[in-house]
Amino acid sequence: MSTPAQLPFLALNGALKAAGEATRLRILALLAEAELTVSDLTEILRQSQPRISRHLKLLAEAGLVDRFREGSWAFFRLAERGGAADVARTLLLRLDHADSAVARDRERLAAVRSMRAATAQAYFRRHAAEWDRIRKLHVADAAVEAAIQAALADRPYRSLLDLGTGTGRMLELFGPTIERGLGLDLSLDMLAVARARLDRAGLKHCSVRQGDIYDLALPKDSFDVVIIHQVLHFLDDGARAISEAARVLRPAGRLLVVDFAPHDLEFLRDEHAHRRLGFAPDTVTQWMTAAGLDLVLQRSLAPEPASEGQIAVSLWLGRDPRIALAAPPKLEVA
């Protein structure tokens, strides 16, 4: 376990003052469970929006919570890094979840999550037919996911970034074996679907937010693994996306790209906004090399002969050539 970050006296005093108020402590407990909006917290805590906004402002200024803009909404989450984040998590470890006030808040949080799930399910129903049609055209999802897991199985990793996260399936797949997962997507509808999936899976250490794949609001050397799964064919500049993904890799970090092999199904371009009809092996390999990565794996999966599939799926795994100072320990999963 890492040593908690040290805080100057004034910063520690400010963090304790911010947390040392009944409503703000309740907010911290809720944000440890899920990402929430001001409206969510207003519904759960039964307080006015201006009052909740004021509490969140104080918590954010003290470094106890993070705020992420998503269209016209803002989502709040317990801070992940820094000394104040350690303070918040230490306090919450001492909180009795059986306490009546805490239990009541958690019951109302469950209702908010149920509403989220219903919204996501409605979106799924509206688009299920077109998704099913595309899914039948390529290699079965189970085979692709098995290949993805095998590609990353040679050594452990703590943090994962999923670019173009869509439904959040990659975070669900790898969530049980990582310490931190983040998914980015431009679509607010897809982010709602992904949040519902993560809620259902109980993956509190994984989150999603709106983000631009070409301009990641993330520092250099942030993640052990980055995945770009079935996203490149929607982009007009795949090389730029790969370069930006490589920037946030830690030394010896890995970038896994999964996408269609070349095909001639033009209707996907016309009806489903596919800008590229698959990629030749050399294309993505060259983009990874130009981004400063060493290619360590390239393979293609053909559809099962008896299936309706017409499109092969390819995987490319690149590695940052810098030497990591220390490899992360293998995580134990209960």
C-alpha atoms as a PDB file:
ATOM      1  CA  MET A   1       0.000   0.000   0.000  1.00  0.00           C
ATOM      2  CA  SER A   2       1.366   3.444  -0.903  1.00  0.00           C
ATOM      3  CA  THR A   3       2.123   6.013   1.801  1.00  0.00           C
ATOM      4  CA  PRO A   4      -0.572   8.731   2.006  1.00  0.00           C
ATOM      5  CA  ALA A   5       0.503  12.079   0.552  1.00  0.00           C
ATOM      6  CA  GLN A   6       1.602  14.695   3.069  1.00  0.00           C
ATOM      7  CA  LEU A   7      -0.367  17.956   3.288  1.00  0.00           C
ATOM      8  CA  PRO A   8       0.716  21.386   4.560  1.00  0.00           C
ATOM      9  CA  PHE A   9      -1.056  22.453   7.738  1.00  0.00           C
ATOM     10  CA  LEU A  10      -3.397  24.926   6.016  1.00  0.00           C
ATOM     11  CA  ALA A  11      -4.395  22.437   3.318  1.00  0.00           C
ATOM     12  CA  LEU A  12      -5.124  19.697   5.859  1.00  0.00           C
ATOM     13  CA  ASN A  13      -7.061  22.134   8.032  1.00  0.00           C
ATOM     14  CA  GLY A  14      -9.068  23.255   4.996  1.00  0.00           C
ATOM     15  CA  ALA A  15      -9.867  19.675   3.997  1.00  0.00           C
ATOM     16  CA  LEU A  16     -11.046  18.812   7.495  1.00  0.00           C
ATOM     17  CA  LYS A  17     -13.178  21.965   7.685  1.00  0.00           C
ATOM     18  CA  ALA A  18     -14.758  21.193   4.324  1.00  0.00           C
ATOM     19  CA  ALA A  19     -15.593  17.634   5.365  1.00  0.00           C
ATOM     20  CA  GLY A  20     -16.612  18.605   8.907  1.00  0.00           C
ATOM     21  CA  GLU A  21     -20.222  19.560   8.151  1.00  0.00           C
ATOM     22  CA  ALA A  22     -23.139  17.136   8.147  1.00  0.00           C
ATOM     23  CA  THR A  23     -24.398  17.614   4.590  1.00  0.00           C
ATOM     24  CA  ARG A  24     -20.897  17.712   3.115  1.00  0.00           C
ATOM     25  CA  LEU A  25     -19.939  14.476   4.883  1.00  0.00           C
ATOM     26  CA  ARG A  26     -23.101  12.881   3.483  1.00  0.00           C
ATOM     27  CA  ILE A  27     -22.140  14.129   0.013  1.00  0.00           C
ATOM     28  CA  LEU A  28     -18.676  12.595   0.328  1.00  0.00           C
ATOM     29  CA  ALA A  29     -20.215   9.262   1.339  1.00  0.00           C
ATOM     30  CA  LEU A  30     -22.511   9.342  -1.695  1.00  0.00           C
ATOM     31  CA  LEU A  31     -19.750  10.329  -4.115  1.00  0.00           C
ATOM     32  CA  ALA A  32     -17.678   7.401  -2.872  1.00  0.00           C
ATOM     33  CA  GLU A  33     -20.472   5.199  -4.218  1.00  0.00           C
ATOM     34  CA  ALA A  34     -21.167   6.838  -7.599  1.00  0.00           C
ATOM     35  CA  GLU A  35     -20.647   9.849  -9.856  1.00  0.00           C
ATOM     36  CA  LEU A  36     -23.568  12.209  -9.285  1.00  0.00           C
ATOM     37  CA  THR A  37     -24.936  15.504 -10.565  1.00  0.00           C
ATOM     38  CA  VAL A  38     -26.271  18.408  -8.538  1.00  0.00           C
ATOM     39  CA  SER A  39     -29.784  17.248  -9.479  1.00  0.00           C
ATOM     40  CA  ASP A  40     -29.029  13.724  -8.239  1.00  0.00           C
ATOM     41  CA  LEU A  41     -27.779  15.038  -4.909  1.00  0.00           C
ATOM     42  CA  THR A  42     -30.747  17.405  -4.602  1.00  0.00           C
ATOM     43  CA  GLU A  43     -33.077  14.429  -5.072  1.00  0.00           C
ATOM     44  CA  ILE A  44     -31.213  12.261  -2.549  1.00  0.00           C
ATOM     45  CA  LEU A  45     -30.537  14.858   0.153  1.00  0.00           C
ATOM     46  CA  ARG A  46     -33.828  16.750  -0.276  1.00  0.00           C
ATOM     47  CA  GLN A  47     -32.079  20.125  -0.178  1.00  0.00           C
ATOM     48  CA  SER A  48     -32.183  23.061  -2.573  1.00  0.00           C
ATOM     49  CA  GLN A  49     -29.982  23.150  -5.656  1.00  0.00           C
ATOM     50  CA  PRO A  50     -28.157  26.375  -4.618  1.00  0.00           C
ATOM     51  CA  ARG A  51     -27.310  24.876  -1.245  1.00  0.00           C
ATOM     52  CA  ILE A  52     -26.020  21.628  -2.780  1.00  0.00           C
ATOM     53  CA  SER A  53     -24.002  23.617  -5.330  1.00  0.00           C
ATOM     54  CA  ARG A  54     -22.434  25.661  -2.525  1.00  0.00           C
ATOM     55  CA  HIS A  55     -21.446  22.525  -0.612  1.00  0.00           C
ATOM     56  CA  LEU A  56     -19.915  21.002  -3.750  1.00  0.00           C
ATOM     57  CA  LYS A  57     -17.960  24.183  -4.457  1.00  0.00           C
ATOM     58  CA  LEU A  58     -16.393  24.067  -0.984  1.00  0.00           C
ATOM     59  CA  LEU A  59     -15.561  20.378  -1.304  1.00  0.00           C
ATOM     60  CA  ALA A  60     -13.995  20.904  -4.734  1.00  0.00           C
ATOM     61  CA  GLU A  61     -11.941  23.881  -3.549  1.00  0.00           C
ATOM     62  CA  ALA A  62     -10.590  21.737  -0.709  1.00  0.00           C
ATOM     63  CA  GLY A  63      -9.591  19.005  -3.183  1.00  0.00           C
ATOM     64  CA  LEU A  64     -12.009  16.450  -1.758  1.00  0.00           C
ATOM     65  CA  VAL A  65     -14.112  16.012  -4.916  1.00  0.00           C
ATOM     66  CA  ASP A  66     -13.506  16.278  -8.661  1.00  0.00           C
ATOM     67  CA  ARG A  67     -15.884  17.976 -11.104  1.00  0.00           C
ATOM     68  CA  PHE A  68     -16.299  16.938 -14.762  1.00  0.00           C
ATOM     69  CA  ARG A  69     -18.301  18.885 -17.320  1.00  0.00           C
ATOM     70  CA  GLU A  70     -20.479  16.785 -19.630  1.00  0.00           C
ATOM     71  CA  GLY A  71     -22.526  18.834 -22.065  1.00  0.00           C
ATOM     72  CA  SER A  72     -24.827  21.041 -19.995  1.00  0.00           C
ATOM     73  CA  TRP A  73     -24.347  18.814 -16.939  1.00  0.00           C
ATOM     74  CA  ALA A  74     -21.542  18.505 -14.411  1.00  0.00           C
ATOM     75  CA  PHE A  75     -20.722  15.235 -12.658  1.00  0.00           C
ATOM     76  CA  PHE A  76     -18.984  15.033  -9.286  1.00  0.00           C
ATOM     77  CA  ARG A  77     -16.876  12.203  -7.934  1.00  0.00           C
ATOM     78  CA  LEU A  78     -14.733  11.638  -4.870  1.00  0.00           C
ATOM     79  CA  ALA A  79     -11.247  12.933  -5.693  1.00  0.00           C
ATOM     80  CA  GLU A  80      -8.851  10.232  -6.845  1.00  0.00           C
ATOM     81  CA  ARG A  81      -5.445  11.837  -6.308  1.00  0.00           C
ATOM     82  CA  GLY A  82      -3.682  14.064  -3.799  1.00  0.00           C
ATOM     83  CA  GLY A  83      -3.450  14.428  -0.061  1.00  0.00           C
ATOM     84  CA  ALA A  84      -7.000  15.752   0.308  1.00  0.00           C
ATOM     85  CA  ALA A  85      -8.325  12.690  -1.527  1.00  0.00           C
ATOM     86  CA  ASP A  86      -6.499  10.502   1.021  1.00  0.00           C
ATOM     87  CA  VAL A  87      -8.135  12.483   3.821  1.00  0.00           C
ATOM     88  CA  ALA A  88     -11.606  11.941   2.357  1.00  0.00           C
ATOM     89  CA  ARG A  89     -11.110   8.213   1.931  1.00  0.00           C
ATOM     90  CA  THR A  90      -9.651   7.846   5.444  1.00  0.00           C
ATOM     91  CA  LEU A  91     -12.669   9.607   6.969  1.00  0.00           C
ATOM     92  CA  LEU A  92     -15.127   7.492   4.984  1.00  0.00           C
ATOM     93  CA  LEU A  93     -13.453   4.276   6.125  1.00  0.00           C
ATOM     94  CA  ARG A  94     -14.497   5.251   9.669  1.00  0.00           C
ATOM     95  CA  LEU A  95     -18.115   5.903   8.689  1.00  0.00           C
ATOM     96  CA  ASP A  96     -20.686   3.347   9.831  1.00  0.00           C
ATOM     97  CA  HIS A  97     -22.839   2.478   6.805  1.00  0.00           C
ATOM     98  CA  ALA A  98     -25.522   1.109   9.130  1.00  0.00           C
ATOM     99  CA  ASP A  99     -26.085   4.593  10.549  1.00  0.00           C
ATOM    100  CA  SER A 100     -29.684   5.647   9.847  1.00  0.00           C
ATOM    101  CA  ALA A 101     -28.801   8.852   7.972  1.00  0.00           C
ATOM    102  CA  VAL A 102     -26.245   7.096   5.796  1.00  0.00           C
ATOM    103  CA  ALA A 103     -28.560   4.146   5.134  1.00  0.00           C
ATOM    104  CA  ARG A 104     -31.402   6.476   4.091  1.00  0.00           C
ATOM    105  CA  ASP A 105     -29.116   8.279   1.646  1.00  0.00           C
ATOM    106  CA  ARG A 106     -28.009   4.972   0.163  1.00  0.00           C
ATOM    107  CA  GLU A 107     -31.640   3.925  -0.326  1.00  0.00           C
ATOM    108  CA  ARG A 108     -32.339   7.143  -2.229  1.00  0.00           C
ATOM    109  CA  LEU A 109     -29.141   6.652  -4.231  1.00  0.00           C
ATOM    110  CA  ALA A 110     -30.452   3.236  -5.258  1.00  0.00           C
ATOM    111  CA  ALA A 111     -33.592   4.923  -6.600  1.00  0.00           C
ATOM    112  CA  VAL A 112     -31.496   7.382  -8.626  1.00  0.00           C
ATOM    113  CA  ARG A 113     -29.503   4.486 -10.047  1.00  0.00           C
ATOM    114  CA  SER A 114     -32.713   2.699 -10.987  1.00  0.00           C
ATOM    115  CA  MET A 115     -33.825   5.752 -12.953  1.00  0.00           C
ATOM    116  CA  ARG A 116     -30.446   5.793 -14.720  1.00  0.00           C
ATOM    117  CA  ALA A 117     -30.786   2.139 -15.609  1.00  0.00           C
ATOM    118  CA  ALA A 118     -34.286   2.704 -17.002  1.00  0.00           C
ATOM    119  CA  THR A 119     -33.026   5.554 -19.200  1.00  0.00           C
ATOM    120  CA  ALA A 120     -30.156   3.430 -20.472  1.00  0.00           C
ATOM    121  CA  GLN A 121     -32.472   0.504 -21.161  1.00  0.00           C
ATOM    122  CA  ALA A 122     -34.785   2.739 -23.193  1.00  0.00           C
ATOM    123  CA  TYR A 123     -31.823   3.861 -25.302  1.00  0.00           C
ATOM    124  CA  PHE A 124     -30.833   0.230 -25.835  1.00  0.00           C
ATOM    125  CA  ARG A 125     -34.330  -0.662 -26.976  1.00  0.00           C
ATOM    126  CA  ARG A 126     -34.367   2.167 -29.525  1.00  0.00           C
ATOM    127  CA  HIS A 127     -31.051   1.058 -31.057  1.00  0.00           C
ATOM    128  CA  ALA A 128     -31.001  -2.685 -30.406  1.00  0.00           C
ATOM    129  CA  ALA A 129     -31.973  -3.698 -33.944  1.00  0.00           C
ATOM    130  CA  GLU A 130     -29.159  -1.790 -35.660  1.00  0.00           C
ATOM    131  CA  TRP A 131     -26.574  -2.929 -33.111  1.00  0.00           C
ATOM    132  CA  ASP A 132     -27.627  -6.551 -33.507  1.00  0.00           C
ATOM    133  CA  ARG A 133     -27.391  -6.234 -37.277  1.00  0.00           C
ATOM    134  CA  ILE A 134     -23.805  -4.960 -37.124  1.00  0.00           C
ATOM    135  CA  ARG A 135     -22.815  -7.492 -34.439  1.00  0.00           C
ATOM    136  CA  LYS A 136     -23.816 -10.373 -36.702  1.00  0.00           C
ATOM    137  CA  LEU A 137     -21.498  -9.113 -39.444  1.00  0.00           C
ATOM    138  CA  HIS A 138     -18.219  -9.678 -37.594  1.00  0.00           C
ATOM    139  CA  VAL A 139     -16.428 -12.165 -35.383  1.00  0.00           C
ATOM    140  CA  ALA A 140     -18.438 -13.116 -32.295  1.00  0.00           C
ATOM    141  CA  ASP A 141     -17.962 -10.766 -29.333  1.00  0.00           C
ATOM    142  CA  ALA A 142     -16.946 -13.641 -27.046  1.00  0.00           C
ATOM    143  CA  ALA A 143     -14.055 -14.611 -29.332  1.00  0.00           C
ATOM    144  CA  VAL A 144     -12.888 -11.000 -29.644  1.00  0.00           C
ATOM    145  CA  GLU A 145     -13.025 -10.429 -25.889  1.00  0.00           C
ATOM    146  CA  ALA A 146     -11.077 -13.639 -25.246  1.00  0.00           C
ATOM    147  CA  ALA A 147      -8.383 -12.412 -27.664  1.00  0.00           C
ATOM    148  CA  ILE A 148      -8.293  -9.004 -25.952  1.00  0.00           C
ATOM    149  CA  GLN A 149      -7.812 -10.588 -22.539  1.00  0.00           C
ATOM    150  CA  ALA A 150      -5.125 -12.916 -23.876  1.00  0.00           C
ATOM    151  CA  ALA A 151      -3.232  -9.997 -25.462  1.00  0.00           C
ATOM    152  CA  LEU A 152      -2.909  -8.253 -22.089  1.00  0.00           C
ATOM    153  CA  ALA A 153      -2.442 -11.341 -19.923  1.00  0.00           C
ATOM    154  CA  ASP A 154       1.361 -11.518 -19.890  1.00  0.00           C
ATOM    155  CA  ARG A 155       1.771  -9.062 -17.001  1.00  0.00           C
ATOM    156  CA  PRO A 156      -0.386  -7.222 -14.447  1.00  0.00           C
ATOM    157  CA  TYR A 157      -1.472  -3.593 -14.666  1.00  0.00           C
ATOM    158  CA  ARG A 158      -3.245  -1.263 -12.260  1.00  0.00           C
ATOM    159  CA  SER A 159      -4.914   1.374 -14.423  1.00  0.00           C
ATOM    160  CA  LEU A 160      -6.834   1.230 -17.695  1.00  0.00           C
ATOM    161  CA  LEU A 161      -8.158   3.928 -20.031  1.00  0.00           C
ATOM    162  CA  ASP A 162     -10.868   2.991 -22.531  1.00  0.00           C
ATOM    163  CA  LEU A 163     -11.151   5.520 -25.375  1.00  0.00           C
ATOM    164  CA  GLY A 164     -14.544   5.648 -27.054  1.00  0.00           C
ATOM    165  CA  THR A 165     -15.900   3.521 -24.239  1.00  0.00           C
ATOM    166  CA  GLY A 166     -19.407   3.216 -25.706  1.00  0.00           C
ATOM    167  CA  THR A 167     -21.415   0.901 -23.454  1.00  0.00           C
ATOM    168  CA  GLY A 168     -18.504   0.546 -21.013  1.00  0.00           C
ATOM    169  CA  ARG A 169     -18.024  -3.138 -21.808  1.00  0.00           C
ATOM    170  CA  MET A 170     -14.204  -2.996 -21.671  1.00  0.00           C
ATOM    171  CA  LEU A 171     -14.335  -1.462 -18.193  1.00  0.00           C
ATOM    172  CA  GLU A 172     -16.766  -4.166 -17.098  1.00  0.00           C
ATOM    173  CA  LEU A 173     -14.521  -6.855 -18.584  1.00  0.00           C
ATOM    174  CA  PHE A 174     -11.323  -5.688 -16.894  1.00  0.00           C
ATOM    175  CA  GLY A 175     -12.779  -3.926 -13.844  1.00  0.00           C
ATOM    176  CA  PRO A 176     -12.365  -6.855 -11.431  1.00  0.00           C
ATOM    177  CA  THR A 177      -8.582  -6.980 -12.000  1.00  0.00           C
ATOM    178  CA  ILE A 178      -7.602  -3.279 -11.973  1.00  0.00           C
ATOM    179  CA  GLU A 179      -7.392  -0.559  -9.356  1.00  0.00           C
ATOM    180  CA  ARG A 180      -8.603   2.289 -11.544  1.00  0.00           C
ATOM    181  CA  GLY A 181     -10.546   2.404 -14.806  1.00  0.00           C
ATOM    182  CA  LEU A 182     -11.653   5.394 -16.853  1.00  0.00           C
ATOM    183  CA  GLY A 183     -13.767   5.462 -20.018  1.00  0.00           C
ATOM    184  CA  LEU A 184     -14.100   8.478 -22.323  1.00  0.00           C
ATOM    185  CA  ASP A 185     -16.749   9.072 -24.959  1.00  0.00           C
ATOM    186  CA  LEU A 186     -18.255  12.070 -26.748  1.00  0.00           C
ATOM    187  CA  SER A 187     -21.808  10.679 -26.734  1.00  0.00           C
ATOM    188  CA  LEU A 188     -23.894  11.636 -23.706  1.00  0.00           C
ATOM    189  CA  ASP A 189     -26.326   8.806 -24.493  1.00  0.00           C
ATOM    190  CA  MET A 190     -23.544   6.222 -24.477  1.00  0.00           C
ATOM    191  CA  LEU A 191     -22.119   7.612 -21.242  1.00  0.00           C
ATOM    192  CA  ALA A 192     -25.516   7.102 -19.613  1.00  0.00           C
ATOM    193  CA  VAL A 193     -25.508   3.490 -20.820  1.00  0.00           C
ATOM    194  CA  ALA A 194     -21.958   2.947 -19.555  1.00  0.00           C
ATOM    195  CA  ARG A 195     -22.725   4.415 -16.121  1.00  0.00           C
ATOM    196  CA  ALA A 196     -25.688   2.106 -15.750  1.00  0.00           C
ATOM    197  CA  ARG A 197     -23.488  -0.863 -16.680  1.00  0.00           C
ATOM    198  CA  LEU A 198     -20.821   0.079 -14.123  1.00  0.00           C
ATOM    199  CA  ASP A 199     -23.476   0.632 -11.451  1.00  0.00           C
ATOM    200  CA  ARG A 200     -24.928  -2.796 -12.172  1.00  0.00           C
ATOM    201  CA  ALA A 201     -21.482  -4.415 -11.983  1.00  0.00           C
ATOM    202  CA  GLY A 202     -20.627  -2.618  -8.722  1.00  0.00           C
ATOM    203  CA  LEU A 203     -17.372  -1.223 -10.154  1.00  0.00           C
ATOM    204  CA  LYS A 204     -16.935   1.850  -7.944  1.00  0.00           C
ATOM    205  CA  HIS A 205     -13.297   2.265  -8.966  1.00  0.00           C
ATOM    206  CA  CYS A 206     -14.270   2.670 -12.637  1.00  0.00           C
ATOM    207  CA  SER A 207     -15.832   5.820 -14.062  1.00  0.00           C
ATOM    208  CA  VAL A 208     -16.732   7.421 -17.372  1.00  0.00           C
ATOM    209  CA  ARG A 209     -16.773  10.993 -18.592  1.00  0.00           C
ATOM    210  CA  GLN A 210     -17.104  13.005 -21.758  1.00  0.00           C
ATOM    211  CA  GLY A 211     -13.830  13.481 -23.603  1.00  0.00           C
ATOM    212  CA  ASP A 212     -12.225  14.146 -26.976  1.00  0.00           C
ATOM    213  CA  ILE A 213     -10.053  11.282 -28.240  1.00  0.00           C
ATOM    214  CA  TYR A 214      -7.883  13.801 -30.118  1.00  0.00           C
ATOM    215  CA  ASP A 215      -7.287  16.023 -27.087  1.00  0.00           C
ATOM    216  CA  LEU A 216      -7.321  14.056 -23.839  1.00  0.00           C
ATOM    217  CA  ALA A 217      -7.660  16.182 -20.722  1.00  0.00           C
ATOM    218  CA  LEU A 218      -5.195  13.871 -18.991  1.00  0.00           C
ATOM    219  CA  PRO A 219      -1.541  14.292 -18.029  1.00  0.00           C
ATOM    220  CA  LYS A 220       1.315  12.450 -19.692  1.00  0.00           C
ATOM    221  CA  ASP A 221       2.181   9.037 -18.207  1.00  0.00           C
ATOM    222  CA  SER A 222      -1.276   8.442 -16.675  1.00  0.00           C
ATOM    223  CA  PHE A 223      -2.227   4.820 -17.483  1.00  0.00           C
ATOM    224  CA  ASP A 224      -0.682   1.365 -17.688  1.00  0.00           C
ATOM    225  CA  VAL A 225      -3.040   0.234 -20.470  1.00  0.00           C
ATOM    226  CA  VAL A 226      -5.067   2.152 -23.061  1.00  0.00           C
ATOM    227  CA  ILE A 227      -7.682   0.400 -25.217  1.00  0.00           C
ATOM    228  CA  ILE A 228      -9.220   1.722 -28.440  1.00  0.00           C
ATOM    229  CA  HIS A 229     -11.912  -0.835 -29.199  1.00  0.00           C
ATOM    230  CA  GLN A 230     -13.973  -0.539 -32.412  1.00  0.00           C
ATOM    231  CA  VAL A 231     -13.475   3.229 -32.570  1.00  0.00           C
ATOM    232  CA  LEU A 232     -10.891   3.991 -35.276  1.00  0.00           C
ATOM    233  CA  HIS A 233     -13.283   3.251 -38.149  1.00  0.00           C
ATOM    234  CA  PHE A 234     -15.437   6.221 -37.039  1.00  0.00           C
ATOM    235  CA  LEU A 235     -12.502   8.663 -37.047  1.00  0.00           C
ATOM    236  CA  ASP A 236     -11.080  10.820 -39.806  1.00  0.00           C
ATOM    237  CA  ASP A 237      -7.587  10.826 -38.257  1.00  0.00           C
ATOM    238  CA  GLY A 238      -6.700   7.514 -36.661  1.00  0.00           C
ATOM    239  CA  ALA A 239      -2.999   8.354 -36.492  1.00  0.00           C
ATOM    240  CA  ARG A 240      -3.707  11.402 -34.343  1.00  0.00           C
ATOM    241  CA  ALA A 241      -5.882   9.375 -31.963  1.00  0.00           C
ATOM    242  CA  ILE A 242      -3.138   6.768 -31.529  1.00  0.00           C
ATOM    243  CA  SER A 243      -0.509   9.444 -30.948  1.00  0.00           C
ATOM    244  CA  GLU A 244      -2.630  11.028 -28.218  1.00  0.00           C
ATOM    245  CA  ALA A 245      -3.285   7.626 -26.634  1.00  0.00           C
ATOM    246  CA  ALA A 246       0.459   6.901 -26.610  1.00  0.00           C
ATOM    247  CA  ARG A 247       1.085  10.218 -24.827  1.00  0.00           C
ATOM    248  CA  VAL A 248      -0.824   9.142 -21.717  1.00  0.00           C
ATOM    249  CA  LEU A 249       0.872   5.736 -21.444  1.00  0.00           C
ATOM    250  CA  ARG A 250       3.251   5.204 -18.556  1.00  0.00           C
ATOM    251  CA  PRO A 251       6.745   3.807 -19.242  1.00  0.00           C
ATOM    252  CA  ALA A 252       6.328   0.219 -20.534  1.00  0.00           C
ATOM    253  CA  GLY A 253       2.593   0.883 -20.827  1.00  0.00           C
ATOM    254  CA  ARG A 254       0.591  -0.794 -23.585  1.00  0.00           C
ATOM    255  CA  LEU A 255      -1.878   0.408 -26.197  1.00  0.00           C
ATOM    256  CA  LEU A 256      -4.327  -2.154 -27.581  1.00  0.00           C
ATOM    257  CA  VAL A 257      -6.231  -1.296 -30.752  1.00  0.00           C
ATOM    258  CA  VAL A 258      -9.114  -3.533 -31.864  1.00  0.00           C
ATOM    259  CA  ASP A 259     -10.928  -2.839 -35.121  1.00  0.00           C
ATOM    260  CA  PHE A 260     -12.238  -4.307 -38.362  1.00  0.00           C
ATOM    261  CA  ALA A 261      -9.964  -5.794 -40.979  1.00  0.00           C
ATOM    262  CA  PRO A 262     -10.554  -4.418 -44.522  1.00  0.00           C
ATOM    263  CA  HIS A 263     -14.013  -5.174 -45.931  1.00  0.00           C
ATOM    264  CA  ASP A 264     -16.340  -3.905 -48.666  1.00  0.00           C
ATOM    265  CA  LEU A 265     -19.651  -3.403 -46.856  1.00  0.00           C
ATOM    266  CA  GLU A 266     -20.355   0.127 -48.091  1.00  0.00           C
ATOM    267  CA  PHE A 267     -23.697   0.380 -46.298  1.00  0.00           C
ATOM    268  CA  LEU A 268     -21.791   0.734 -43.010  1.00  0.00           C
ATOM    269  CA  ARG A 269     -20.321   3.968 -44.328  1.00  0.00           C
ATOM    270  CA  ASP A 270     -23.634   5.243 -45.643  1.00  0.00           C
ATOM    271  CA  GLU A 271     -25.934   4.170 -42.821  1.00  0.00           C
ATOM    272  CA  HIS A 272     -23.727   3.937 -39.722  1.00  0.00           C
ATOM    273  CA  ALA A 273     -21.112   6.693 -40.163  1.00  0.00           C
ATOM    274  CA  HIS A 274     -18.145   4.345 -40.638  1.00  0.00           C
ATOM    275  CA  ARG A 275     -15.484   6.555 -42.214  1.00  0.00           C
ATOM    276  CA  ARG A 276     -13.096   3.667 -42.837  1.00  0.00           C
ATOM    277  CA  LEU A 277     -14.013   0.189 -44.045  1.00  0.00           C
ATOM    278  CA  GLY A 278     -11.454  -1.570 -41.895  1.00  0.00           C
ATOM    279  CA  PHE A 279      -7.677  -1.331 -41.666  1.00  0.00           C
ATOM    280  CA  ALA A 280      -4.826  -3.276 -43.216  1.00  0.00           C
ATOM    281  CA  PRO A 281      -2.294  -4.608 -40.663  1.00  0.00           C
ATOM    282  CA  ASP A 282       0.435  -2.233 -41.865  1.00  0.00           C
ATOM    283  CA  THR A 283      -1.744   0.861 -41.475  1.00  0.00           C
ATOM    284  CA  VAL A 284      -2.219   0.739 -37.712  1.00  0.00           C
ATOM    285  CA  THR A 285       1.294  -0.677 -37.268  1.00  0.00           C
ATOM    286  CA  GLN A 286       2.741   2.415 -38.954  1.00  0.00           C
ATOM    287  CA  TRP A 287       0.614   4.709 -36.805  1.00  0.00           C
ATOM    288  CA  MET A 288       1.860   3.006 -33.646  1.00  0.00           C
ATOM    289  CA  THR A 289       5.478   3.203 -34.789  1.00  0.00           C
ATOM    290  CA  ALA A 290       5.081   6.897 -35.615  1.00  0.00           C
ATOM    291  CA  ALA A 291       3.692   7.424 -32.092  1.00  0.00           C
ATOM    292  CA  GLY A 292       6.887   5.954 -30.639  1.00  0.00           C
ATOM    293  CA  LEU A 293       5.505   2.535 -29.690  1.00  0.00           C
ATOM    294  CA  ASP A 294       7.010  -0.889 -30.328  1.00  0.00           C
ATOM    295  CA  LEU A 295       4.565  -3.321 -31.938  1.00  0.00           C
ATOM    296  CA  VAL A 296       4.529  -6.533 -29.897  1.00  0.00           C
ATOM    297  CA  LEU A 297       1.420  -8.240 -31.313  1.00  0.00           C
ATOM    298  CA  GLN A 298      -0.697  -8.180 -34.458  1.00  0.00           C
ATOM    299  CA  ARG A 299      -3.313 -10.800 -35.198  1.00  0.00           C
ATOM    300  CA  SER A 300      -6.605 -11.160 -37.041  1.00  0.00           C
ATOM    301  CA  LEU A 301      -9.657 -13.198 -36.132  1.00  0.00           C
ATOM    302  CA  ALA A 302     -11.769 -14.608 -38.964  1.00  0.00           C
ATOM    303  CA  PRO A 303     -15.523 -15.168 -38.535  1.00  0.00           C
ATOM    304  CA  GLU A 304     -16.672 -18.693 -37.836  1.00  0.00           C
ATOM    305  CA  PRO A 305     -17.424 -20.480 -41.159  1.00  0.00           C
ATOM    306  CA  ALA A 306     -20.975 -21.361 -40.119  1.00  0.00           C
ATOM    307  CA  SER A 307     -21.826 -17.851 -38.895  1.00  0.00           C
ATOM    308  CA  GLU A 308     -23.329 -14.870 -40.708  1.00  0.00           C
ATOM    309  CA  GLY A 309     -20.095 -12.973 -40.174  1.00  0.00           C
ATOM    310  CA  GLN A 310     -18.376 -11.309 -43.109  1.00  0.00           C
ATOM    311  CA  ILE A 311     -15.813  -9.105 -41.340  1.00  0.00           C
ATOM    312  CA  ALA A 312     -12.589 -10.192 -39.647  1.00  0.00           C
ATOM    313  CA  VAL A 313     -11.425  -8.350 -36.534  1.00  0.00           C
ATOM    314  CA  SER A 314      -7.779  -7.334 -36.016  1.00  0.00           C
ATOM    315  CA  LEU A 315      -5.771  -6.564 -32.883  1.00  0.00           C
ATOM    316  CA  TRP A 316      -2.625  -4.480 -32.564  1.00  0.00           C
ATOM    317  CA  LEU A 317      -0.673  -4.229 -29.300  1.00  0.00           C
ATOM    318  CA  GLY A 318       1.987  -1.539 -28.939  1.00  0.00           C
ATOM    319  CA  ARG A 319       4.289  -0.950 -25.979  1.00  0.00           C
ATOM    320  CA  ASP A 320       5.973   2.196 -24.726  1.00  0.00           C
ATOM    321  CA  PRO A 321       9.721   1.458 -25.046  1.00  0.00           C
ATOM    322  CA  ARG A 322      10.676   3.355 -21.895  1.00  0.00           C
ATOM    323  CA  ILE A 323      11.690   1.169 -18.970  1.00  0.00           C
ATOM    324  CA  ALA A 324       9.382   1.212 -15.975  1.00  0.00           C
ATOM    325  CA  LEU A 325      11.204   1.879 -12.706  1.00  0.00           C
ATOM    326  CA  ALA A 326       9.108  -0.735 -10.945  1.00  0.00           C
ATOM    327  CA  ALA A 327       6.578  -3.191 -12.275  1.00  0.00           C
ATOM    328  CA  PRO A 328       3.199  -3.088 -10.495  1.00  0.00           C
ATOM    329  CA  PRO A 329       2.586  -6.061  -8.232  1.00  0.00           C
ATOM    330  CA  LYS A 330       0.119  -8.708  -9.321  1.00  0.00           C
ATOM    331  CA  LEU A 331      -3.310  -7.865  -7.971  1.00  0.00           C
ATOM    332  CA  GLU A 332      -5.117 -10.407  -5.847  1.00  0.00           C
ATOM    333  CA  VAL A 333      -8.789 -10.739  -6.706  1.00  0.00           C
ATOM    334  CA  ALA A 334     -11.148 -12.188  -4.147  1.00  0.00           C
END
